[in-house]
Protein backbone atom coordinates (compact mmCIF):
# COMPACT_ATOMS: atom_id res chain seq x y z
CA MET A 1 16.34 -1.90 -2.14
CA ALA A 2 12.71 -2.20 -2.92
CA LEU A 3 9.54 -2.83 -0.44
CA SER A 4 7.46 -6.15 -0.90
CA VAL A 5 3.88 -5.50 -0.74
CA ASN A 6 1.00 -7.71 -0.21
CA ILE A 7 -2.44 -6.36 -0.60
CA VAL A 8 -5.17 -8.69 0.85
CA THR A 9 -9.25 -8.44 1.46
CA ALA A 10 -11.14 -10.87 2.59
CA GLU A 11 -12.06 -12.38 -0.01
CA LYS A 12 -8.53 -12.81 -1.94
CA SER A 13 -5.04 -11.28 -2.32
CA ILE A 14 -5.55 -8.88 -5.03
CA LEU A 15 -2.04 -7.47 -5.73
CA GLU A 16 1.79 -8.79 -4.40
CA LEU A 17 4.50 -6.68 -5.66
CA SER A 18 7.78 -7.20 -4.92
CA ASP A 19 9.63 -4.01 -6.62
CA VAL A 20 8.23 -0.74 -5.44
CA GLN A 21 9.90 2.28 -4.49
CA LYS A 22 7.35 4.12 -2.65
CA ILE A 23 3.94 3.77 -1.55
CA VAL A 24 1.60 6.37 -0.50
CA VAL A 25 -1.23 5.34 1.91
CA PRO A 26 -4.43 7.52 3.48
CA ALA A 27 -3.24 6.75 7.47
CA SER A 28 -6.07 7.51 9.92
CA ASP A 29 -3.55 9.99 11.26
CA GLY A 30 -3.07 11.54 7.54
CA GLN A 31 -1.05 10.65 4.56
CA ILE A 32 2.13 8.78 4.98
CA THR A 33 4.60 7.91 2.13
CA ILE A 34 6.60 4.93 2.95
CA LEU A 35 10.35 4.06 1.31
CA PRO A 36 12.97 0.71 2.03
CA SER A 37 13.86 0.87 5.54
CA HIS A 38 11.15 2.52 7.22
CA THR A 39 10.88 1.62 10.34
CA ALA A 40 8.45 -1.29 11.62
CA LEU A 41 4.94 0.14 11.58
CA MET A 42 1.60 -1.10 12.57
CA THR A 43 -1.40 1.98 11.71
CA SER A 44 -4.95 1.95 10.65
CA LEU A 45 -5.95 3.01 7.12
CA ASP A 46 -8.85 5.59 6.61
CA ALA A 47 -11.03 5.81 3.03
CA GLY A 48 -8.83 6.98 -0.11
CA GLU A 49 -6.12 6.21 -2.64
CA LEU A 50 -3.18 3.74 -1.69
CA THR A 51 -0.82 4.42 -4.24
CA LEU A 52 2.37 2.17 -5.45
CA TYR A 53 5.46 3.69 -7.10
CA GLY A 54 7.73 1.31 -8.91
CA PRO A 55 9.62 0.86 -12.06
CA ASP A 56 6.50 0.21 -14.46
CA GLY A 57 4.72 3.84 -13.09
CA ALA A 58 2.02 4.23 -10.81
CA GLN A 59 -0.46 2.14 -9.30
CA SER A 60 -3.68 3.46 -7.45
CA VAL A 61 -6.01 1.21 -5.13
CA THR A 62 -9.06 2.65 -3.53
CA LEU A 63 -9.61 1.99 -0.14
CA ALA A 64 -12.75 1.97 2.12
CA GLY A 65 -10.55 1.26 4.99
CA GLY A 66 -8.31 -1.46 6.78
CA PHE A 67 -5.05 -1.63 8.26
CA LEU A 68 -1.17 -1.53 7.16
CA GLN A 69 1.88 -3.17 8.50
CA ILE A 70 5.61 -2.87 7.75
CA VAL A 71 8.23 -4.83 8.99
CA HIS A 72 11.62 -5.46 7.28
CA ASP A 73 10.94 -3.70 3.91
CA GLU A 74 7.60 -5.92 3.84
CA VAL A 75 4.09 -4.46 3.36
CA ASN A 76 0.91 -6.02 4.21
CA VAL A 77 -2.27 -4.51 3.78
CA LEU A 78 -5.58 -5.42 5.28
CA ALA A 79 -8.12 -3.73 3.48
CA ASP A 80 -11.69 -3.11 1.83
CA VAL A 81 -10.85 -2.17 -1.80
CA GLN A 82 -13.35 -0.18 -3.60
CA ARG A 83 -11.41 -0.66 -6.69
CA GLU A 84 -8.07 -0.99 -8.77
CA SER A 85 -6.94 1.47 -11.53
CA GLU A 86 -3.93 2.72 -13.64
CA ILE A 87 -2.22 6.14 -12.95
CA SER A 88 0.33 7.48 -15.45
CA GLU A 89 3.29 9.26 -14.22
């Protein structure tokens, strides 16, 4: 089982993945790790690194804030993005 992730800014959709195994996000109440079958959640995001872990390694996106919604293994992120960068595991 895997997560589907969609990261959207005010300008465009910057990332759509359907095989994510784990996500680490800078939530407003602290860092959250999201795994498949996570309960439904809506939270605001602080500035920081959102890291996605998939079969090809990890990918990081630097956020300036935003919102995250999880429903049935679908993760939607509405965010102000500062930059995208690749991270090696």
